[in-house]
Amino acid sequence: MSDIHDLGNRGEDLAVSHLAGKGYRILERNWKFGKEEVDIIAETDNEVIFTEVKTRKSSYFGAPEAFVNRAKQRIIIRAANAYILRHNIHKEARFDVIGVILNSTERRVTHLEGAFAPGL
């Protein structure tokens, strides 16, 4: 397994722990719809949350959460729509981004709730 892939997996593990610590129920990790993927799908009593996780060793080139561009958002929205239809979900959907900085001296999780929305 590559170092980048391992870093991403460890970042997703931290993101899952963060969400679970906030009382979210984790439904799926790395849910795929064709070539599209959602890193984490979780829920609360009122919402289903589709979360993209970006992990970096540092913020030298910018905050990791800032790298979820509009094209990536569209991919997540399409996959989320498929998930909602496939699982007959009748809750509000929310799109979050979690940025993780993870290295030998730093372990930081930044959670942006409602980071983007369809059609915006």
N, C-alpha and C. Protein backbone atom coordinates (compact mmCIF):
# COMPACT_ATOMS: atom_id res chain seq x y z
N MET A 1 0.86 -1.18 0.00
CA MET A 1 0.00 0.00 0.00
C MET A 1 0.90 1.23 0.00
N SER A 2 0.53 2.21 -0.77
CA SER A 2 1.35 3.41 -0.88
C SER A 2 1.21 4.29 0.36
N ASP A 3 2.21 5.14 0.58
CA ASP A 3 2.18 6.06 1.71
C ASP A 3 0.99 7.01 1.62
N ILE A 4 0.68 7.48 0.40
CA ILE A 4 -0.44 8.41 0.20
C ILE A 4 -1.76 7.71 0.55
N HIS A 5 -1.92 6.48 0.07
CA HIS A 5 -3.14 5.72 0.35
C HIS A 5 -3.27 5.46 1.85
N ASP A 6 -2.16 5.11 2.49
CA ASP A 6 -2.16 4.86 3.93
C ASP A 6 -2.52 6.14 4.69
N LEU A 7 -1.96 7.27 4.28
CA LEU A 7 -2.28 8.55 4.91
C LEU A 7 -3.77 8.84 4.77
N GLY A 8 -4.32 8.62 3.59
CA GLY A 8 -5.74 8.85 3.37
C GLY A 8 -6.61 7.96 4.25
N ASN A 9 -6.24 6.70 4.37
CA ASN A 9 -7.00 5.78 5.23
C ASN A 9 -6.95 6.21 6.70
N ARG A 10 -5.78 6.63 7.15
CA ARG A 10 -5.66 7.08 8.54
C ARG A 10 -6.47 8.36 8.76
N GLY A 11 -6.48 9.24 7.76
CA GLY A 11 -7.29 10.45 7.85
C GLY A 11 -8.77 10.13 7.92
N GLU A 12 -9.21 9.17 7.10
CA GLU A 12 -10.61 8.76 7.14
C GLU A 12 -10.97 8.12 8.47
N ASP A 13 -10.04 7.35 9.04
CA ASP A 13 -10.28 6.77 10.37
C ASP A 13 -10.50 7.87 11.41
N LEU A 14 -9.68 8.91 11.35
CA LEU A 14 -9.84 10.04 12.29
C LEU A 14 -11.17 10.75 12.05
N ALA A 15 -11.55 10.91 10.79
CA ALA A 15 -12.82 11.56 10.46
C ALA A 15 -14.00 10.74 10.99
N VAL A 16 -13.95 9.43 10.83
CA VAL A 16 -15.01 8.56 11.36
C VAL A 16 -15.09 8.69 12.87
N SER A 17 -13.95 8.69 13.55
CA SER A 17 -13.94 8.85 15.01
C SER A 17 -14.54 10.19 15.41
N HIS A 18 -14.19 11.23 14.67
CA HIS A 18 -14.71 12.57 14.93
C HIS A 18 -16.24 12.59 14.81
N LEU A 19 -16.75 12.03 13.72
CA LEU A 19 -18.19 12.02 13.49
C LEU A 19 -18.91 11.17 14.54
N ALA A 20 -18.37 10.01 14.83
CA ALA A 20 -18.97 9.14 15.84
C ALA A 20 -18.98 9.84 17.21
N GLY A 21 -17.93 10.58 17.50
CA GLY A 21 -17.84 11.32 18.76
C GLY A 21 -18.89 12.41 18.86
N LYS A 22 -19.38 12.88 17.72
CA LYS A 22 -20.44 13.89 17.69
C LYS A 22 -21.83 13.25 17.70
N GLY A 23 -21.86 11.92 17.78
CA GLY A 23 -23.14 11.22 17.83
C GLY A 23 -23.69 10.79 16.49
N TYR A 24 -22.92 10.94 15.43
CA TYR A 24 -23.37 10.51 14.10
C TYR A 24 -23.29 8.98 14.03
N ARG A 25 -24.22 8.37 13.31
CA ARG A 25 -24.15 6.94 13.04
C ARG A 25 -23.51 6.76 11.67
N ILE A 26 -22.46 5.99 11.60
CA ILE A 26 -21.75 5.76 10.34
C ILE A 26 -22.48 4.66 9.57
N LEU A 27 -22.93 4.99 8.37
CA LEU A 27 -23.66 4.03 7.54
C LEU A 27 -22.74 3.32 6.54
N GLU A 28 -21.83 4.08 5.95
CA GLU A 28 -20.95 3.53 4.90
C GLU A 28 -19.61 4.25 4.92
N ARG A 29 -18.60 3.51 4.48
CA ARG A 29 -17.29 4.11 4.20
C ARG A 29 -16.93 3.73 2.77
N ASN A 30 -16.44 4.71 2.03
CA ASN A 30 -16.01 4.49 0.65
C ASN A 30 -17.10 3.84 -0.19
N TRP A 31 -18.30 4.42 -0.12
CA TRP A 31 -19.44 3.90 -0.88
C TRP A 31 -19.29 4.30 -2.34
N LYS A 32 -19.39 3.31 -3.21
CA LYS A 32 -19.17 3.55 -4.63
C LYS A 32 -20.46 3.43 -5.43
N PHE A 33 -20.57 4.31 -6.40
CA PHE A 33 -21.64 4.28 -7.38
C PHE A 33 -20.95 4.44 -8.73
N GLY A 34 -20.74 3.34 -9.41
CA GLY A 34 -19.96 3.37 -10.64
C GLY A 34 -18.53 3.79 -10.30
N LYS A 35 -18.06 4.83 -10.95
CA LYS A 35 -16.71 5.33 -10.67
C LYS A 35 -16.72 6.40 -9.58
N GLU A 36 -17.90 6.77 -9.12
CA GLU A 36 -18.02 7.83 -8.13
C GLU A 36 -18.01 7.22 -6.73
N GLU A 37 -17.51 8.01 -5.76
CA GLU A 37 -17.36 7.49 -4.41
C GLU A 37 -17.63 8.60 -3.40
N VAL A 38 -18.24 8.19 -2.28
CA VAL A 38 -18.40 9.07 -1.13
C VAL A 38 -17.58 8.46 0.00
N ASP A 39 -16.71 9.26 0.61
CA ASP A 39 -15.82 8.73 1.65
C ASP A 39 -16.57 8.20 2.86
N ILE A 40 -17.48 9.01 3.39
CA ILE A 40 -18.24 8.61 4.58
C ILE A 40 -19.69 9.04 4.40
N ILE A 41 -20.59 8.11 4.68
CA ILE A 41 -22.02 8.42 4.75
C ILE A 41 -22.44 8.15 6.18
N ALA A 42 -23.02 9.17 6.80
CA ALA A 42 -23.43 9.05 8.20
C ALA A 42 -24.84 9.61 8.33
N GLU A 43 -25.42 9.44 9.51
CA GLU A 43 -26.74 10.02 9.72
C GLU A 43 -26.91 10.47 11.15
N THR A 44 -27.83 11.41 11.30
CA THR A 44 -28.35 11.82 12.60
C THR A 44 -29.84 11.48 12.55
N ASP A 45 -30.57 11.86 13.56
CA ASP A 45 -32.01 11.61 13.53
C ASP A 45 -32.70 12.34 12.39
N ASN A 46 -32.15 13.49 12.00
CA ASN A 46 -32.82 14.35 11.02
C ASN A 46 -32.18 14.40 9.65
N GLU A 47 -30.91 14.00 9.52
CA GLU A 47 -30.18 14.19 8.27
C GLU A 47 -29.34 12.98 7.91
N VAL A 48 -29.09 12.86 6.61
CA VAL A 48 -28.06 11.95 6.13
C VAL A 48 -26.94 12.85 5.63
N ILE A 49 -25.71 12.52 6.03
CA ILE A 49 -24.57 13.39 5.77
C ILE A 49 -23.57 12.67 4.87
N PHE A 50 -23.27 13.30 3.75
CA PHE A 50 -22.29 12.78 2.79
C PHE A 50 -21.02 13.59 2.99
N THR A 51 -19.94 12.90 3.34
CA THR A 51 -18.72 13.59 3.75
C THR A 51 -17.53 13.22 2.88
N GLU A 52 -16.86 14.23 2.39
CA GLU A 52 -15.60 14.07 1.67
C GLU A 52 -14.47 14.38 2.65
N VAL A 53 -13.47 13.51 2.68
CA VAL A 53 -12.33 13.69 3.58
C VAL A 53 -11.08 13.95 2.75
N LYS A 54 -10.37 15.01 3.10
CA LYS A 54 -9.09 15.33 2.46
C LYS A 54 -8.02 15.33 3.55
N THR A 55 -7.00 14.53 3.34
CA THR A 55 -5.93 14.40 4.33
C THR A 55 -4.60 14.82 3.70
N ARG A 56 -3.86 15.61 4.43
CA ARG A 56 -2.54 16.05 4.00
C ARG A 56 -1.57 15.97 5.18
N LYS A 57 -0.29 15.97 4.85
CA LYS A 57 0.73 15.98 5.90
C LYS A 57 0.92 17.37 6.49
N SER A 58 0.59 18.39 5.71
CA SER A 58 0.73 19.78 6.19
C SER A 58 -0.25 20.66 5.44
N SER A 59 -0.34 21.89 5.89
CA SER A 59 -1.20 22.86 5.19
C SER A 59 -0.35 23.81 4.35
N TYR A 60 0.86 23.39 4.00
CA TYR A 60 1.78 24.23 3.24
C TYR A 60 1.15 24.78 1.97
N PHE A 61 0.42 23.93 1.25
CA PHE A 61 -0.21 24.35 0.00
C PHE A 61 -1.65 24.82 0.21
N GLY A 62 -2.09 24.89 1.44
CA GLY A 62 -3.46 25.31 1.77
C GLY A 62 -4.14 24.26 2.62
N ALA A 63 -5.23 24.66 3.22
CA ALA A 63 -6.01 23.74 4.06
C ALA A 63 -6.55 22.60 3.20
N PRO A 64 -6.44 21.36 3.67
CA PRO A 64 -6.89 20.23 2.86
C PRO A 64 -8.35 20.35 2.43
N GLU A 65 -9.19 20.87 3.32
CA GLU A 65 -10.62 20.97 3.00
C GLU A 65 -10.91 21.94 1.85
N ALA A 66 -9.95 22.80 1.54
CA ALA A 66 -10.12 23.76 0.45
C ALA A 66 -9.97 23.11 -0.93
N PHE A 67 -9.55 21.85 -0.96
CA PHE A 67 -9.28 21.19 -2.24
C PHE A 67 -10.45 20.37 -2.77
N VAL A 68 -11.62 20.58 -2.21
CA VAL A 68 -12.83 19.93 -2.74
C VAL A 68 -13.46 20.92 -3.71
N ASN A 69 -13.08 20.79 -4.97
CA ASN A 69 -13.53 21.74 -5.98
C ASN A 69 -14.95 21.41 -6.48
N ARG A 70 -15.47 22.27 -7.32
CA ARG A 70 -16.85 22.10 -7.79
C ARG A 70 -17.03 20.79 -8.56
N ALA A 71 -16.03 20.37 -9.32
CA ALA A 71 -16.14 19.10 -10.06
C ALA A 71 -16.27 17.93 -9.08
N LYS A 72 -15.48 17.94 -8.02
CA LYS A 72 -15.56 16.89 -7.00
C LYS A 72 -16.91 16.95 -6.29
N GLN A 73 -17.39 18.15 -6.03
CA GLN A 73 -18.70 18.30 -5.39
C GLN A 73 -19.80 17.67 -6.25
N ARG A 74 -19.74 17.90 -7.56
CA ARG A 74 -20.74 17.32 -8.46
C ARG A 74 -20.71 15.79 -8.41
N ILE A 75 -19.53 15.22 -8.33
CA ILE A 75 -19.39 13.76 -8.23
C ILE A 75 -20.06 13.26 -6.96
N ILE A 76 -19.79 13.93 -5.85
CA ILE A 76 -20.36 13.52 -4.57
C ILE A 76 -21.88 13.67 -4.59
N ILE A 77 -22.37 14.74 -5.17
CA ILE A 77 -23.81 14.97 -5.26
C ILE A 77 -24.49 13.88 -6.09
N ARG A 78 -23.89 13.50 -7.21
CA ARG A 78 -24.47 12.41 -8.04
C ARG A 78 -24.50 11.10 -7.27
N ALA A 79 -23.41 10.78 -6.60
CA ALA A 79 -23.36 9.53 -5.83
C ALA A 79 -24.37 9.58 -4.68
N ALA A 80 -24.48 10.72 -4.03
CA ALA A 80 -25.42 10.87 -2.92
C ALA A 80 -26.85 10.67 -3.41
N ASN A 81 -27.18 11.24 -4.55
CA ASN A 81 -28.51 11.08 -5.12
C ASN A 81 -28.81 9.60 -5.36
N ALA A 82 -27.85 8.88 -5.90
CA ALA A 82 -28.03 7.44 -6.15
C ALA A 82 -28.23 6.70 -4.83
N TYR A 83 -27.45 7.06 -3.82
CA TYR A 83 -27.57 6.41 -2.51
C TYR A 83 -28.96 6.65 -1.91
N ILE A 84 -29.42 7.89 -1.98
CA ILE A 84 -30.73 8.25 -1.43
C ILE A 84 -31.84 7.46 -2.13
N LEU A 85 -31.77 7.38 -3.46
CA LEU A 85 -32.78 6.63 -4.21
C LEU A 85 -32.71 5.14 -3.93
N ARG A 86 -31.50 4.61 -3.91
CA ARG A 86 -31.32 3.16 -3.70
C ARG A 86 -31.77 2.72 -2.32
N HIS A 87 -31.59 3.59 -1.31
CA HIS A 87 -31.93 3.23 0.07
C HIS A 87 -33.24 3.86 0.55
N ASN A 88 -33.96 4.50 -0.38
CA ASN A 88 -35.28 5.08 -0.07
C ASN A 88 -35.23 5.97 1.18
N ILE A 89 -34.29 6.88 1.19
CA ILE A 89 -34.08 7.77 2.34
C ILE A 89 -35.00 8.98 2.23
N HIS A 90 -35.61 9.31 3.36
CA HIS A 90 -36.54 10.46 3.41
C HIS A 90 -36.09 11.48 4.44
N LYS A 91 -34.81 11.72 4.51
CA LYS A 91 -34.24 12.72 5.40
C LYS A 91 -33.58 13.80 4.56
N GLU A 92 -33.36 14.94 5.17
CA GLU A 92 -32.59 16.00 4.51
C GLU A 92 -31.16 15.49 4.29
N ALA A 93 -30.58 15.87 3.16
CA ALA A 93 -29.18 15.52 2.86
C ALA A 93 -28.31 16.73 3.16
N ARG A 94 -27.12 16.47 3.67
CA ARG A 94 -26.16 17.53 3.92
C ARG A 94 -24.81 17.06 3.39
N PHE A 95 -24.02 18.02 2.91
CA PHE A 95 -22.72 17.71 2.35
C PHE A 95 -21.64 18.39 3.18
N ASP A 96 -20.82 17.58 3.81
CA ASP A 96 -19.75 18.08 4.67
C ASP A 96 -18.40 17.78 4.06
N VAL A 97 -17.41 18.53 4.50
CA VAL A 97 -16.02 18.27 4.13
C VAL A 97 -15.22 18.23 5.43
N ILE A 98 -14.37 17.23 5.54
CA ILE A 98 -13.47 17.14 6.69
C ILE A 98 -12.04 17.19 6.16
N GLY A 99 -11.29 18.16 6.66
CA GLY A 99 -9.87 18.27 6.34
C GLY A 99 -9.06 17.75 7.51
N VAL A 100 -8.06 16.93 7.19
CA VAL A 100 -7.22 16.34 8.23
C VAL A 100 -5.77 16.67 7.93
N ILE A 101 -5.09 17.20 8.93
CA ILE A 101 -3.63 17.36 8.87
C ILE A 101 -3.07 16.28 9.79
N LEU A 102 -2.20 15.44 9.24
CA LEU A 102 -1.71 14.30 10.00
C LEU A 102 -0.23 14.09 9.69
N ASN A 103 0.59 14.30 10.71
CA ASN A 103 2.02 14.04 10.58
C ASN A 103 2.56 13.66 11.96
N SER A 104 3.86 13.58 12.10
CA SER A 104 4.45 13.10 13.36
C SER A 104 4.22 14.05 14.53
N THR A 105 3.92 15.32 14.25
CA THR A 105 3.73 16.29 15.34
C THR A 105 2.33 16.89 15.40
N GLU A 106 1.53 16.65 14.38
CA GLU A 106 0.22 17.30 14.34
C GLU A 106 -0.85 16.32 13.89
N ARG A 107 -2.02 16.47 14.52
CA ARG A 107 -3.18 15.66 14.20
C ARG A 107 -4.39 16.58 14.36
N ARG A 108 -4.83 17.17 13.24
CA ARG A 108 -5.89 18.18 13.30
C ARG A 108 -7.03 17.80 12.37
N VAL A 109 -8.25 17.89 12.89
CA VAL A 109 -9.45 17.60 12.11
C VAL A 109 -10.28 18.87 12.04
N THR A 110 -10.60 19.31 10.82
CA THR A 110 -11.44 20.48 10.61
C THR A 110 -12.70 20.01 9.89
N HIS A 111 -13.84 20.20 10.53
CA HIS A 111 -15.12 19.70 10.00
C HIS A 111 -15.96 20.88 9.54
N LEU A 112 -16.21 20.95 8.24
CA LEU A 112 -17.06 21.98 7.67
C LEU A 112 -18.44 21.39 7.39
N GLU A 113 -19.39 21.68 8.26
CA GLU A 113 -20.74 21.19 8.09
C GLU A 113 -21.44 22.01 7.02
N GLY A 114 -22.16 21.34 6.13
CA GLY A 114 -22.87 22.04 5.06
C GLY A 114 -21.91 22.81 4.16
N ALA A 115 -20.79 22.19 3.85
CA ALA A 115 -19.73 22.85 3.08
C ALA A 115 -20.17 23.25 1.66
N PHE A 116 -21.09 22.48 1.10
CA PHE A 116 -21.62 22.80 -0.23
C PHE A 116 -23.01 22.22 -0.36
N ALA A 117 -23.70 22.65 -1.39
CA ALA A 117 -25.07 22.19 -1.63
C ALA A 117 -25.29 22.01 -3.12
N PRO A 118 -26.20 21.12 -3.49
CA PRO A 118 -26.50 20.96 -4.92
C PRO A 118 -27.01 22.27 -5.51
N GLY A 119 -26.59 22.57 -6.71
CA GLY A 119 -27.09 23.72 -7.42
C GLY A 119 -26.48 25.06 -7.03
N LEU A 120 -25.54 25.05 -6.11
CA LEU A 120 -24.91 26.32 -5.72
C LEU A 120 -23.55 26.44 -6.35
